[in-house]
Protein backbone atom coordinates (compact mmCIF):
# COMPACT_ATOMS: atom_id res chain seq x y z
CA MET A 1 0.00 0.00 0.00
CA GLY A 2 2.74 2.50 0.87
CA ILE A 3 2.02 6.00 2.14
CA ARG A 4 -1.48 6.67 3.42
CA THR A 5 -3.59 9.76 2.99
CA GLY A 6 -4.89 11.62 5.99
CA GLN A 7 -8.42 10.38 5.29
CA GLN A 8 -7.23 6.76 5.20
CA TYR A 9 -5.59 7.28 8.57
CA LEU A 10 -8.75 8.84 10.07
CA ASP A 11 -10.98 6.14 8.59
CA LYS A 12 -8.87 3.39 10.12
CA LEU A 13 -8.73 5.19 13.46
CA ASN A 14 -12.52 5.50 13.52
CA ALA A 15 -12.92 1.84 12.58
CA MET A 16 -10.76 0.61 15.47
CA ARG A 17 -12.31 -0.44 18.77
CA PRO A 18 -9.91 0.55 21.56
CA HIS A 19 -10.80 1.00 25.23
CA VAL A 20 -9.97 4.60 26.12
CA THR A 21 -11.08 6.21 29.37
CA ILE A 22 -11.05 10.00 29.62
CA ASP A 23 -12.90 12.20 32.11
CA GLY A 24 -15.04 9.29 33.25
CA GLU A 25 -16.11 8.38 29.71
CA VAL A 26 -15.13 5.23 27.81
CA VAL A 27 -14.41 5.89 24.14
CA SER A 28 -14.40 2.74 22.05
CA GLU A 29 -15.30 3.87 18.54
CA ASN A 30 -14.99 6.89 16.26
CA VAL A 31 -12.01 8.07 18.32
CA ALA A 32 -11.09 10.71 15.75
CA GLU A 33 -14.43 12.44 16.33
CA HIS A 34 -14.10 12.77 20.12
CA PRO A 35 -13.45 16.39 21.22
CA ALA A 36 -10.29 15.39 23.13
CA PHE A 37 -8.70 13.79 20.08
CA ARG A 38 -10.39 15.28 17.03
CA ASN A 39 -8.09 18.22 16.39
CA VAL A 40 -4.78 16.49 16.98
CA ALA A 41 -5.92 13.51 14.88
CA ARG A 42 -6.52 15.91 12.02
CA THR A 43 -3.10 17.44 12.51
CA TYR A 44 -1.62 13.96 12.19
CA ALA A 45 -3.81 13.42 9.12
CA LYS A 46 -2.25 16.54 7.61
CA LEU A 47 1.20 15.01 8.10
CA PHE A 48 0.09 11.93 6.18
CA ASP A 49 -1.29 14.16 3.42
CA MET A 50 1.99 16.05 3.17
CA GLN A 51 3.61 12.84 1.94
CA HIS A 52 1.42 13.10 -1.19
CA ASP A 53 2.09 16.82 -1.75
CA PRO A 54 4.55 17.30 -4.66
CA ALA A 55 6.17 20.11 -2.68
CA HIS A 56 7.16 17.68 0.10
CA GLN A 57 7.05 14.19 -1.36
CA ASP A 58 10.73 13.90 -2.27
CA ALA A 59 11.74 14.86 1.27
CA LEU A 60 9.12 12.76 3.05
CA THR A 61 9.26 9.53 1.04
CA TYR A 62 11.43 7.06 -0.83
CA LEU A 63 10.72 3.99 -2.96
CA SER A 64 10.15 0.77 -1.06
CA PRO A 65 12.91 -1.78 -1.76
CA THR A 66 10.30 -4.57 -1.82
CA THR A 67 7.27 -3.09 -3.61
CA GLY A 68 8.50 0.05 -5.36
CA ASP A 69 5.68 2.00 -3.72
CA ARG A 70 6.42 5.29 -2.00
CA VAL A 71 6.94 4.80 1.74
CA GLY A 72 7.91 7.12 4.57
CA ALA A 73 11.53 8.28 4.56
CA SER A 74 11.73 7.59 8.29
CA PHE A 75 11.85 3.90 7.32
CA LEU A 76 14.98 4.41 5.19
CA VAL A 77 17.92 2.40 6.54
CA PRO A 78 20.81 4.87 6.25
CA LYS A 79 23.85 3.58 4.41
CA THR A 80 25.35 6.90 3.29
CA LEU A 81 25.53 10.48 4.51
CA ALA A 82 22.95 11.35 1.85
CA ASP A 83 20.58 8.84 3.46
CA LEU A 84 21.00 10.50 6.86
CA GLU A 85 20.39 13.89 5.28
CA HIS A 86 17.26 12.53 3.58
CA ARG A 87 15.96 11.24 6.91
CA ARG A 88 16.70 14.61 8.52
CA ALA A 89 14.92 16.47 5.70
CA ALA A 90 11.84 14.33 6.25
CA THR A 91 11.76 14.95 9.99
CA GLN A 92 12.49 18.64 9.45
CA THR A 93 9.54 18.97 7.06
CA TRP A 94 7.09 17.65 9.62
CA ALA A 95 8.79 19.41 12.54
CA GLU A 96 8.64 22.80 10.85
CA TYR A 97 4.94 22.31 10.12
CA THR A 98 4.28 21.48 13.78
CA ASN A 99 7.01 23.80 15.11
CA GLY A 100 8.35 20.86 17.11
CA PHE A 101 5.31 20.68 19.40
CA LEU A 102 4.38 17.12 18.41
CA GLY A 103 6.76 14.76 20.16
CA ARG A 104 5.31 11.52 18.81
CA THR A 105 5.05 12.01 15.08
CA GLY A 106 5.40 8.70 13.27
CA ASP A 107 9.04 9.23 12.39
CA TYR A 108 10.07 8.81 16.04
CA MET A 109 9.12 5.17 16.50
CA ASN A 110 9.72 4.49 12.80
CA SER A 111 13.35 5.40 13.50
CA ALA A 112 13.50 2.83 16.27
CA LEU A 113 12.01 0.11 14.07
CA THR A 114 14.39 0.98 11.24
CA ALA A 115 17.49 0.58 13.40
CA LEU A 116 16.12 -2.55 15.07
CA SER A 117 15.39 -4.21 11.73
CA ALA A 118 18.92 -3.48 10.52
CA ALA A 119 20.19 -5.17 13.70
CA GLU A 120 18.29 -8.37 12.93
CA LYS A 121 21.35 -10.47 13.82
CA TRP A 122 21.50 -8.86 17.25
CA PHE A 123 18.06 -10.28 18.01
CA ALA A 124 19.15 -13.64 16.66
CA GLN A 125 21.54 -13.90 19.62
CA ALA A 126 18.47 -14.80 21.65
CA ASP A 127 16.64 -16.69 18.91
CA PRO A 128 16.70 -16.42 15.09
CA LYS A 129 12.91 -16.09 15.12
CA TYR A 130 13.17 -12.77 16.98
CA GLY A 131 15.37 -11.37 14.22
CA GLU A 132 12.85 -12.52 11.63
CA ASN A 133 9.99 -11.05 13.65
CA ILE A 134 11.53 -7.59 13.95
CA ARG A 135 12.39 -7.49 10.26
CA ASN A 136 8.90 -8.64 9.25
CA TYR A 137 7.22 -6.19 11.59
CA TYR A 138 9.37 -3.31 10.34
CA GLU A 139 8.37 -4.13 6.77
CA TYR A 140 4.71 -4.42 7.79
CA ALA A 141 4.85 -0.98 9.45
CA ARG A 142 6.68 0.52 6.48
CA GLU A 143 4.38 -0.85 3.80
CA ASN A 144 1.22 0.08 5.74
CA ASP A 145 2.46 3.50 6.92
CA LEU A 146 1.54 2.75 10.51
CA LEU A 147 1.56 5.28 13.33
CA ALA A 148 3.06 3.67 16.43
CA THR A 149 3.56 4.87 19.95
CA HIS A 150 5.32 3.15 22.83
CA THR A 151 5.23 2.73 26.57
CA LEU A 152 8.32 2.35 28.70
CA ILE A 153 8.23 2.68 32.46
CA PRO A 154 6.35 1.04 35.36
CA PRO A 155 3.74 3.01 37.34
CA GLN A 156 5.05 5.48 39.92
CA VAL A 157 3.97 3.81 43.13
CA ASN A 158 7.08 3.19 45.19
CA ARG A 159 10.16 4.58 43.49
CA SER A 160 12.45 3.24 46.22
CA VAL A 161 12.18 -0.27 44.74
CA SER A 162 12.37 -1.66 41.23
CA GLY A 163 9.29 -2.14 39.08
CA SER A 164 9.39 -5.87 39.67
CA GLU A 165 9.18 -5.29 43.44
CA GLN A 166 6.25 -2.86 43.58
CA MET A 167 3.38 -4.49 45.47
CA GLY A 168 5.04 -7.84 45.12
CA GLY A 169 5.48 -7.42 41.40
CA GLN A 170 1.74 -7.08 40.75
CA LEU A 171 1.74 -3.59 39.19
CA SER A 172 4.21 -3.40 36.34
CA ALA A 173 3.27 -5.09 33.07
CA ARG A 174 4.68 -8.60 33.15
CA ILE A 175 4.41 -11.99 31.52
CA VAL A 176 1.86 -14.06 33.41
CA GLU A 177 1.64 -16.93 30.94
CA GLU A 178 3.76 -18.40 28.16
CA ARG A 179 1.77 -20.38 25.62
CA PRO A 180 2.86 -22.28 22.50
CA ASP A 181 1.36 -19.51 20.35
CA GLY A 182 2.45 -16.47 22.39
CA ILE A 183 2.48 -14.77 25.77
CA VAL A 184 -0.07 -13.13 28.08
CA ILE A 185 0.74 -9.74 29.64
CA HIS A 186 -0.86 -8.30 32.77
CA GLY A 187 -0.16 -5.04 34.61
CA ALA A 188 0.48 -1.43 33.61
CA ARG A 189 3.03 0.75 31.86
CA MET A 190 3.56 4.50 31.51
CA LEU A 191 3.58 6.72 29.51
CA ALA A 192 1.80 6.15 26.19
CA THR A 193 1.70 9.52 24.43
CA ILE A 194 -0.80 9.70 21.50
CA ALA A 195 -2.05 6.23 22.44
CA PRO A 196 -5.73 6.93 21.59
CA ILE A 197 -4.89 7.98 18.01
CA ALA A 198 -2.15 5.46 17.18
CA ASP A 199 -2.39 2.27 15.14
CA GLU A 200 0.05 0.23 17.19
CA LEU A 201 1.66 0.12 20.63
CA LEU A 202 5.32 -0.88 20.94
CA VAL A 203 6.25 -2.26 24.34
CA PHE A 204 10.03 -2.24 24.63
CA PRO A 205 12.47 -2.82 27.52
CA SER A 206 12.45 0.01 30.02
CA THR A 207 14.39 0.38 33.22
CA VAL A 208 17.52 -1.66 33.81
CA LEU A 209 16.74 -5.28 34.63
CA ARG A 210 18.82 -7.04 37.25
CA GLY A 211 18.90 -10.44 35.59
CA THR A 212 17.42 -12.19 38.63
CA PRO A 213 14.66 -14.80 38.33
CA GLU A 214 12.25 -12.20 39.75
CA ASP A 215 12.94 -9.91 36.78
CA ALA A 216 12.43 -12.56 34.10
CA PRO A 217 8.69 -11.76 33.63
CA TYR A 218 9.63 -8.14 32.80
CA SER A 219 12.17 -9.01 30.08
CA TYR A 220 10.41 -8.64 26.75
CA ALA A 221 9.86 -6.57 23.63
CA PHE A 222 6.74 -6.80 21.50
CA ALA A 223 4.16 -4.94 19.42
CA ILE A 224 0.39 -5.04 19.75
CA GLN A 225 -2.48 -3.44 17.84
CA ASN A 226 -4.01 -0.51 19.64
CA ASP A 227 -7.38 -2.16 20.11
CA ALA A 228 -6.12 -5.54 21.25
CA PRO A 229 -8.56 -7.29 23.59
CA GLY A 230 -7.76 -6.48 27.22
CA LEU A 231 -5.68 -3.38 26.42
CA ARG A 232 -7.02 -0.26 28.13
CA TYR A 233 -5.85 3.34 28.15
CA LEU A 234 -6.41 5.69 31.08
CA CYS A 235 -5.97 9.28 29.86
CA ARG A 236 -5.36 12.57 31.60
CA THR A 237 -7.74 15.48 31.05
CA SER A 238 -7.21 17.28 27.76
CA LEU A 239 -5.22 20.50 27.87
CA HIS A 240 -7.21 21.90 24.98
CA ASN A 241 -10.09 23.80 26.56
CA GLY A 242 -12.20 23.85 23.41
CA GLY A 243 -11.02 27.22 22.16
CA SER A 244 -10.44 28.12 18.54
CA VAL A 245 -7.06 28.21 16.84
CA PHE A 246 -7.13 31.96 17.57
CA ASP A 247 -7.62 31.57 21.32
CA GLU A 248 -5.62 28.34 21.76
CA PRO A 249 -3.37 28.25 18.68
CA LEU A 250 -1.07 25.48 19.94
CA ALA A 251 -3.38 23.39 22.12
CA ALA A 252 -6.11 23.42 19.46
CA ARG A 253 -3.71 21.79 17.01
CA PHE A 254 -1.02 19.90 18.90
CA GLU A 255 -2.52 18.62 22.18
CA GLU A 256 -1.01 15.12 22.26
CA MET A 257 -2.77 12.94 24.81
CA ASP A 258 -0.79 10.98 27.41
CA ALA A 259 -2.12 7.77 28.89
CA VAL A 260 -1.35 4.86 31.17
CA ALA A 261 -1.44 1.57 29.30
CA ILE A 262 -3.19 -1.20 31.24
CA PHE A 263 -2.77 -4.79 30.12
CA ASP A 264 -5.60 -6.98 31.39
CA ASN A 265 -4.32 -10.39 30.33
CA VAL A 266 -3.45 -9.21 26.82
CA PHE A 267 -2.40 -11.96 24.42
CA VAL A 268 0.63 -11.26 22.23
CA PRO A 269 1.13 -13.75 19.37
CA ASN A 270 4.58 -15.20 18.71
CA GLU A 271 5.13 -13.30 15.47
CA ARG A 272 4.89 -9.97 17.34
CA ILE A 273 7.45 -10.87 19.99
CA PHE A 274 10.96 -9.47 19.44
CA MET A 275 12.62 -10.52 22.70
CA LEU A 276 11.66 -12.79 25.54
CA GLY A 277 13.85 -13.28 28.58
CA HIS A 278 17.55 -12.38 28.21
CA PRO A 279 17.62 -9.38 30.57
CA GLU A 280 21.23 -8.65 29.59
CA LEU A 281 20.09 -8.11 25.99
CA CYS A 282 17.03 -6.14 27.07
CA ASN A 283 19.31 -3.78 29.01
CA ASN A 284 21.28 -3.06 25.82
CA PHE A 285 18.25 -3.00 23.52
CA TYR A 286 18.71 0.60 22.39
CA ALA A 287 22.47 1.09 22.59
CA GLU A 288 23.71 -2.04 20.83
CA THR A 289 21.19 -1.94 17.99
CA GLY A 290 21.69 1.72 17.09
CA ALA A 291 18.03 2.49 17.90
CA ALA A 292 18.95 5.16 20.46
CA ALA A 293 21.11 6.99 17.95
CA LEU A 294 18.56 6.97 15.13
CA MET A 295 15.73 7.99 17.46
CA THR A 296 17.81 10.83 18.89
CA HIS A 297 18.69 11.96 15.37
CA GLN A 298 14.95 12.47 14.85
CA VAL A 299 14.50 14.18 18.22
CA VAL A 300 17.32 16.67 17.73
CA THR A 301 15.94 17.59 14.32
CA ARG A 302 12.55 18.23 15.91
CA THR A 303 13.96 20.29 18.78
CA ILE A 304 15.93 22.46 16.37
CA ALA A 305 12.63 23.38 14.73
CA LYS A 306 11.15 24.11 18.15
CA SER A 307 14.10 26.33 19.09
CA GLU A 308 13.68 28.23 15.83
CA PHE A 309 10.00 28.73 16.61
CA PHE A 310 10.77 30.31 19.98
CA LEU A 311 13.43 32.52 18.41
CA GLY A 312 10.88 33.66 15.83
CA LEU A 313 8.14 34.17 18.42
CA ALA A 314 10.39 36.18 20.74
CA SER A 315 11.59 38.30 17.83
CA GLU A 316 8.03 39.01 16.67
CA ILE A 317 6.97 40.03 20.17
CA ALA A 318 9.99 42.28 20.63
CA ALA A 319 9.38 44.08 17.35
CA SER A 320 5.62 44.37 17.88
CA ILE A 321 5.91 46.38 21.11
CA GLY A 322 9.18 48.16 20.40
CA ILE A 323 11.46 46.47 22.92
CA ASP A 324 13.91 45.00 20.41
CA GLY A 325 16.37 47.84 20.92
CA PHE A 326 16.82 47.23 24.64
CA GLN A 327 20.08 45.52 25.54
CA HIS A 328 18.61 43.05 28.03
CA ILE A 329 16.10 41.97 25.34
CA GLN A 330 18.88 41.58 22.79
CA GLU A 331 20.85 39.49 25.28
CA GLN A 332 17.97 37.03 25.54
CA LEU A 333 17.42 37.02 21.78
CA ALA A 334 21.12 36.23 21.42
CA GLU A 335 20.64 33.34 23.85
CA LEU A 336 17.95 31.91 21.56
CA VAL A 337 20.16 32.40 18.49
CA VAL A 338 22.96 30.50 20.21
CA ASP A 339 20.58 27.69 21.15
CA VAL A 340 19.45 27.30 17.54
CA GLU A 341 23.00 27.24 16.24
CA ILE A 342 24.24 24.81 18.90
CA GLY A 343 21.46 22.40 17.94
CA LYS A 344 22.32 22.66 14.25
CA ALA A 345 26.03 22.21 14.93
CA LEU A 346 25.49 19.12 17.06
CA MET A 347 23.24 17.62 14.41
CA ARG A 348 25.70 18.28 11.60
CA ALA A 349 28.64 16.96 13.60
CA ALA A 350 26.73 13.76 14.43
CA GLU A 351 26.03 13.21 10.72
CA VAL A 352 29.49 14.05 9.39
CA ASP A 353 31.15 11.83 12.00
CA ALA A 354 28.69 8.97 11.42
CA ALA A 355 30.12 5.47 11.10
CA THR A 356 28.73 2.17 9.88
CA ASN A 357 27.82 -0.01 12.82
CA GLU A 358 28.27 -3.76 12.95
CA TRP A 359 24.79 -4.27 11.51
CA GLY A 360 25.55 -2.31 8.34
CA MET A 361 23.63 0.86 9.23
CA LEU A 362 25.33 4.25 9.04
CA GLN A 363 24.86 5.43 12.61
CA PRO A 364 25.13 9.13 13.50
CA LYS A 365 27.79 9.66 16.15
CA TRP A 366 26.25 8.68 19.43
CA SER A 367 28.46 10.70 21.79
CA THR A 368 27.48 13.91 19.96
CA LEU A 369 23.78 13.08 19.96
CA ASN A 370 24.05 12.04 23.60
CA ALA A 371 25.47 15.46 24.40
CA ALA A 372 22.55 17.06 22.52
CA ARG A 373 19.93 15.09 24.41
CA ASN A 374 21.52 16.03 27.73
CA TRP A 375 21.79 19.71 26.78
CA TYR A 376 18.39 20.48 25.26
CA PRO A 377 15.96 19.42 28.05
CA LYS A 378 17.43 22.00 30.42
CA THR A 379 17.97 24.65 27.77
CA ALA A 380 14.37 24.40 26.61
CA GLN A 381 13.12 25.44 30.05
CA ARG A 382 14.36 28.94 29.27
CA PHE A 383 12.18 29.37 26.20
CA PRO A 384 8.83 30.03 27.95
CA GLN A 385 10.66 32.12 30.57
CA ILE A 386 11.96 34.42 27.84
CA ILE A 387 8.51 34.75 26.28
CA ARG A 388 7.02 35.65 29.67
CA THR A 389 9.74 38.25 30.22
CA PHE A 390 9.09 39.87 26.85
CA CYS A 391 5.30 39.96 27.20
CA ALA A 392 5.06 40.64 30.93
CA SER A 393 1.55 41.74 31.96
CA GLY A 394 0.51 41.78 28.31
CA LEU A 395 -0.17 38.07 28.69
CA MET A 396 -2.74 38.85 31.39
CA ALA A 397 -4.83 41.35 29.45
CA LEU A 398 -5.97 39.38 26.44
CA PRO A 399 -9.53 39.50 25.14
CA GLY A 400 -10.72 36.57 23.05
CA GLU A 401 -11.66 36.04 19.44
CA ALA A 402 -15.32 36.63 20.28
CA ASP A 403 -14.47 40.06 21.69
CA ILE A 404 -12.88 41.08 18.41
CA ALA A 405 -16.15 40.25 16.68
CA SER A 406 -18.12 42.32 19.22
CA ASP A 407 -18.67 45.99 20.05
CA ALA A 408 -15.35 45.85 21.92
CA LEU A 409 -13.42 45.91 18.65
CA GLU A 410 -13.00 49.68 18.73
CA ASP A 411 -11.39 49.54 22.18
CA ILE A 412 -9.16 46.64 21.12
CA GLU A 413 -8.00 48.50 18.05
CA LEU A 414 -7.17 51.61 20.07
CA TYR A 415 -5.80 50.32 23.34
CA LEU A 416 -4.24 46.97 22.42
CA GLN A 417 -2.41 47.94 19.26
CA GLY A 418 1.33 47.50 19.07
CA LYS A 419 4.16 49.44 17.48
CA THR A 420 3.90 47.39 14.30
CA LEU A 421 0.55 45.60 14.69
CA THR A 422 -3.13 46.47 14.87
CA GLY A 423 -5.01 45.65 18.06
CA PRO A 424 -6.46 42.36 16.73
CA GLU A 425 -3.09 41.36 15.28
CA ARG A 426 -1.33 41.98 18.56
CA VAL A 427 -3.96 40.01 20.48
CA LYS A 428 -3.51 37.10 18.09
CA LEU A 429 0.28 37.16 18.52
CA PHE A 430 0.02 37.36 22.30
CA LYS A 431 -2.48 34.51 22.35
CA LEU A 432 0.22 32.41 20.72
CA ALA A 433 2.74 33.64 23.29
CA TYR A 434 0.29 32.73 26.08
CA ASP A 435 -0.17 29.20 24.76
CA ALA A 436 3.60 28.82 24.40
CA SER A 437 4.54 30.11 27.85
CA ILE A 438 1.89 30.04 30.61
CA SER A 439 -1.01 27.82 29.53
CA GLY A 440 -1.53 24.26 30.72
CA PHE A 441 -0.42 23.16 27.28
CA SER A 442 2.89 24.98 27.65
CA SER A 443 3.50 23.56 31.13
CA ARG A 444 3.02 20.03 29.85
CA GLN A 445 5.43 20.79 26.98
CA ALA A 446 8.10 21.95 29.44
CA LEU A 447 7.69 18.84 31.57
CA TYR A 448 7.63 16.61 28.50
CA GLU A 449 10.88 18.00 27.12
CA TYR A 450 12.62 17.93 30.51
CA PHE A 451 11.96 14.23 31.04
CA PHE A 452 11.84 13.18 27.37
CA PHE A 453 14.73 10.74 27.70
CA GLY A 454 14.39 10.18 31.43
CA ASP A 455 15.67 11.76 34.62
CA PRO A 456 18.30 14.35 33.58
CA VAL A 457 20.46 13.44 36.61
CA ARG A 458 20.55 9.78 35.63
CA MET A 459 21.13 10.74 32.01
CA ALA A 460 24.10 12.87 33.05
CA GLY A 461 25.55 9.93 34.95
CA ALA A 462 25.08 7.68 31.94
CA LEU A 463 26.77 10.25 29.71
CA VAL A 464 29.79 10.51 32.01
CA ASN A 465 30.11 6.75 32.35
CA SER A 466 29.85 6.10 28.61
CA TYR A 467 32.08 8.94 27.40
CA ASP A 468 35.74 8.17 26.78
CA ARG A 469 37.49 10.80 28.90
CA GLU A 470 40.83 9.01 28.96
CA PRO A 471 42.39 10.95 26.02
CA ALA A 472 41.63 14.25 27.81
CA ARG A 473 43.02 12.92 31.09
CA ALA A 474 46.13 11.65 29.34
CA ARG A 475 46.82 15.11 27.94
CA VAL A 476 46.70 16.52 31.45
CA ARG A 477 49.08 13.85 32.74
CA ASP A 478 51.42 14.44 29.81
CA PHE A 479 51.42 18.16 30.50
CA LEU A 480 52.22 17.59 34.17
CA ALA A 481 55.12 15.35 33.14
CA ARG A 482 56.72 17.99 30.95
CA THR A 483 59.99 19.43 32.12
CA ASP A 484 60.49 22.01 29.35
């Protein structure tokens, strides 16, 4: 089939029968029509449609090696620098359309599947059938243009013990039965972003497993359709309050739902299992296959687009109210410029220094991408702070779209105009600033980016422990040994 249209995606979504609970309501059909999911589903549909647009098709697609049909470029196994650049161009096209506010566009998990399929022999260490399964599933996802999400961590109940120890091991999703034709999973996992509007759920290894018999039921990797019997999603309340794209310009378009995935004795057939047991392999699932590198390549591309958006937004605000000449404003604009350029430099360095891994995939340099994913989550916290500084109390005196269409228009035009904008234009710009800096939507974005790859403290420790610092230390020792 190859690339889908947006309508094909929406039709399939509405035909599925998931179990989604939100605000006390169970949604089990026509998910794309529910107010909490309708707008973001249509944004995702637009991304599918962009693959058919002649203006974007070359960047977003390539020809399938098995069918010759056009398929998503995020499924391209990179062999050359040009392939990496093609993958980046595809992600950039979607990221610039969404301004980086969608963290679970299809290219994220597609990147994982692409690297995992290239590392088929890595899976064969456990069993040749797992290598075949991951390759077959990757091709199935590629040829059917699936939208997948994933779920990684156990519920937050008692963080002082491992997931396998919480309430005697009864909470975290685990294998409760092994059958000749598959496995049965029971328990819960967090955090399934976009779960209600996805085709498939990928359940991959999460926190480090200890390799003890008690951890064996938690050692697995598999995929399951989003409406599998027994699979339930428990959603948070939507952060889109029902406003128009004028009043809630970001939330009305990009409000990705987050959910807890609950497995109530869910059956997973053998052909969808990629790893079973082997905690030592599960612990290295991302690093040794190259999946972490290819996924982070996508993420850094997306966050560059988001950084550029905040630079543009801050610049528009500064010009609109005449503060762009103040030195403290220019200092913060310079900070945003530097952030954009650091992101671009890290991306380019990771591509230029890419090397072919043992599975034959050209892998962008991991140490550079690892630095990027440690740097951005903290840097991004400054973006809404800068917007709040620029707008100040202007964010607290914003009439709505309905007011502009009322008798209040004359007052808005007179008292809310800017140096370069009419009153309605300034209100529209500041509504965007509000949604990007102080709304519930913006707060979730800040939290999402901060913990995107996990606890920043633990990530820093992992970076230090994995980075080869010996050459730098040796230079210091050599210098100390000099006598001239």
